[in-house]
Protein backbone atom coordinates (compact mmCIF):
# COMPACT_ATOMS: atom_id res chain seq x y z
CA MET A 1 90.76 125.78 120.18
CA ASN A 2 93.37 123.28 119.23
CA ILE A 3 92.92 119.78 118.45
CA HIS A 4 95.15 116.87 117.43
CA GLU A 5 94.81 114.92 114.19
CA TYR A 6 93.06 112.10 116.04
CA GLN A 7 90.72 114.21 117.60
CA ALA A 8 89.52 115.70 114.12
CA LYS A 9 89.20 112.57 112.49
CA GLN A 10 87.10 111.37 115.03
CA VAL A 11 84.66 114.54 115.26
CA LEU A 12 84.67 113.71 110.79
CA ALA A 13 84.05 110.20 111.48
CA LYS A 14 81.12 111.17 113.90
CA TYR A 15 79.43 112.75 111.10
CA GLY A 16 79.85 110.40 108.46
CA VAL A 17 83.04 111.57 106.63
CA ALA A 18 85.44 108.48 105.75
CA THR A 19 88.79 108.36 107.60
CA LEU A 20 91.27 105.90 107.51
CA LYS A 21 91.21 103.84 111.12
CA GLY A 22 93.52 104.68 113.38
CA GLY A 23 94.41 104.90 117.46
CA VAL A 24 96.46 106.99 119.77
CA ALA A 25 99.32 105.85 121.79
CA TYR A 26 101.33 106.79 124.86
CA THR A 27 103.80 104.66 124.97
CA PRO A 28 105.43 102.03 122.52
CA ASP A 29 103.79 98.95 123.91
CA GLU A 30 100.08 100.87 123.63
CA ALA A 31 101.65 101.61 119.43
CA VAL A 32 102.09 97.87 118.98
CA GLN A 33 98.59 97.25 120.17
CA VAL A 34 97.11 99.75 118.38
CA ALA A 35 99.28 98.18 114.97
CA LYS A 36 98.22 94.88 115.81
CA ASP A 37 94.58 95.50 116.31
CA LEU A 38 94.23 97.57 113.12
CA GLY A 39 95.96 94.94 111.21
CA GLY A 40 99.25 95.60 108.41
CA PRO A 41 100.69 95.77 106.78
CA VAL A 42 101.77 99.11 106.54
CA TRP A 43 100.92 101.64 109.30
CA VAL A 44 101.80 105.54 109.34
CA VAL A 45 103.11 106.48 113.17
CA LYS A 46 102.42 110.06 113.64
CA SER A 47 103.60 112.85 116.19
CA GLN A 48 100.16 114.65 117.59
CA ILE A 49 101.27 118.58 118.26
CA HIS A 50 99.89 121.59 117.45
CA ALA A 51 101.62 122.34 114.83
CA GLY A 52 101.94 121.63 110.79
CA GLY A 53 104.82 120.33 109.01
CA ARG A 54 105.24 117.39 110.90
CA GLY A 55 106.70 115.17 108.89
CA LYS A 56 109.30 117.58 107.56
CA GLY A 57 110.15 118.43 110.90
CA THR A 58 113.29 116.93 112.93
CA PHE A 59 113.27 115.97 116.26
CA LYS A 60 116.14 117.96 119.20
CA ASP A 61 119.03 115.72 119.67
CA ASP A 62 118.73 113.51 116.60
CA ALA A 63 120.82 113.20 114.11
CA SER A 64 119.00 110.99 112.04
CA GLY A 65 117.17 114.00 110.65
CA LYS A 66 113.75 111.78 110.52
CA GLY A 67 110.74 113.72 110.57
CA GLY A 68 107.52 113.15 112.83
CA VAL A 69 105.34 111.33 110.25
CA ARG A 70 106.63 107.69 109.38
CA VAL A 71 105.52 104.94 107.21
CA VAL A 72 106.22 101.29 108.54
CA LYS A 73 105.70 97.91 107.16
CA SER A 74 106.56 95.50 110.28
CA VAL A 75 105.05 96.01 114.60
CA GLU A 76 108.81 96.39 115.53
CA ASP A 77 109.17 99.36 112.88
CA VAL A 78 106.05 100.98 114.79
CA ALA A 79 107.68 100.54 118.33
CA ALA A 80 110.95 101.97 116.85
CA ALA A 81 109.10 105.03 115.47
CA ALA A 82 106.98 105.47 118.90
CA ASP A 83 109.76 105.41 120.46
CA ALA A 84 112.01 107.60 118.26
CA MET A 85 108.99 110.15 118.97
CA LEU A 86 107.61 110.02 122.62
CA GLY A 87 108.88 112.29 124.73
CA LYS A 88 110.94 113.90 122.39
CA VAL A 89 111.12 117.47 121.16
CA LEU A 90 109.83 117.89 117.23
CA VAL A 91 110.97 121.54 115.84
CA THR A 92 108.88 122.62 112.31
CA HIS A 93 108.54 125.62 110.62
CA GLN A 94 105.71 126.27 112.21
CA THR A 95 106.85 125.60 116.03
CA GLY A 96 109.74 127.94 116.09
CA PRO A 97 113.48 126.33 116.84
CA ALA A 98 111.87 125.54 120.86
CA GLY A 99 109.89 122.74 119.13
CA LYS A 100 107.18 121.00 120.75
CA GLU A 101 107.64 117.46 123.02
CA VAL A 102 105.87 114.66 121.61
CA LYS A 103 103.80 112.98 123.97
CA ARG A 104 101.15 110.63 121.83
CA VAL A 105 101.54 109.46 118.37
CA TYR A 106 98.39 108.39 115.87
CA ILE A 107 98.76 104.99 114.51
CA GLU A 108 96.85 104.77 111.20
CA GLN A 109 96.28 102.26 108.25
CA GLY A 110 98.49 102.42 105.36
CA CYS A 111 96.60 103.16 102.28
CA ASP A 112 97.39 103.36 98.51
CA ILE A 113 96.48 107.41 98.17
CA LYS A 114 94.93 108.06 94.86
CA ARG A 115 93.90 111.87 95.70
CA GLU A 116 95.04 114.27 98.57
CA LEU A 117 92.50 116.97 100.15
CA TYR A 118 93.32 119.75 102.42
CA LEU A 119 90.71 121.67 104.14
CA GLY A 120 91.62 124.09 106.89
CA ILE A 121 89.65 126.46 109.35
CA LEU A 122 91.47 128.87 111.08
CA ILE A 123 89.84 132.00 113.32
CA ASP A 124 91.98 135.22 113.06
CA ARG A 125 91.38 136.32 116.31
CA ALA A 126 92.57 139.84 115.37
CA THR A 127 89.68 140.21 113.09
CA SER A 128 87.46 137.90 114.82
CA ARG A 129 87.00 136.20 111.05
CA VAL A 130 87.08 132.88 109.98
CA THR A 131 89.51 131.95 107.08
CA ILE A 132 88.70 128.34 105.39
CA MET A 133 91.40 126.91 103.34
CA ALA A 134 90.80 123.72 100.64
CA SER A 135 92.75 122.68 98.38
CA THR A 136 92.86 119.41 96.01
CA GLU A 137 96.49 119.62 96.53
CA GLY A 138 96.65 118.39 99.80
CA GLY A 139 98.10 119.33 102.64
CA MET A 140 102.22 119.01 102.07
CA GLU A 141 102.98 122.33 101.75
CA ILE A 142 99.96 124.19 101.56
CA GLU A 143 101.46 127.30 101.99
CA GLU A 144 103.48 126.77 99.04
CA VAL A 145 100.94 125.96 97.34
CA ALA A 146 98.40 128.57 98.65
CA ALA A 147 101.25 131.15 97.21
CA LYS A 148 101.55 129.63 93.36
CA HIS A 149 98.14 128.98 93.15
CA PRO A 150 95.94 130.90 95.42
């Protein structure tokens, strides 16, 4: 089963796990409305594709080199970030060079990060086993963290 970040956060929140408030948008105008509904002054606009490394990824045909996760400080910047992502192809280390088209973005409240945790549950279809990965180092560079601190 592949679910997007916003869907996973909905499931977690349903069971009482604290998550930041956010909303999904399919257009820049919807992204602005989500940001206004959340209140500011900082939001994170996140591409929603089934691949990791979105923040470090790059968009095809975009010379700016900005990734698929952007911290912004105005609703105008929310609109601009959503416009720069939606309908574009995001290439990450997990998508390969073909990348994946961004069809939706997740607009989330900004916050001061005091502690990051990572939890991943993967199904290895070849062995019919489940692997659970947890880290107190957060999700950025999780492969590197696993290699250096298994």
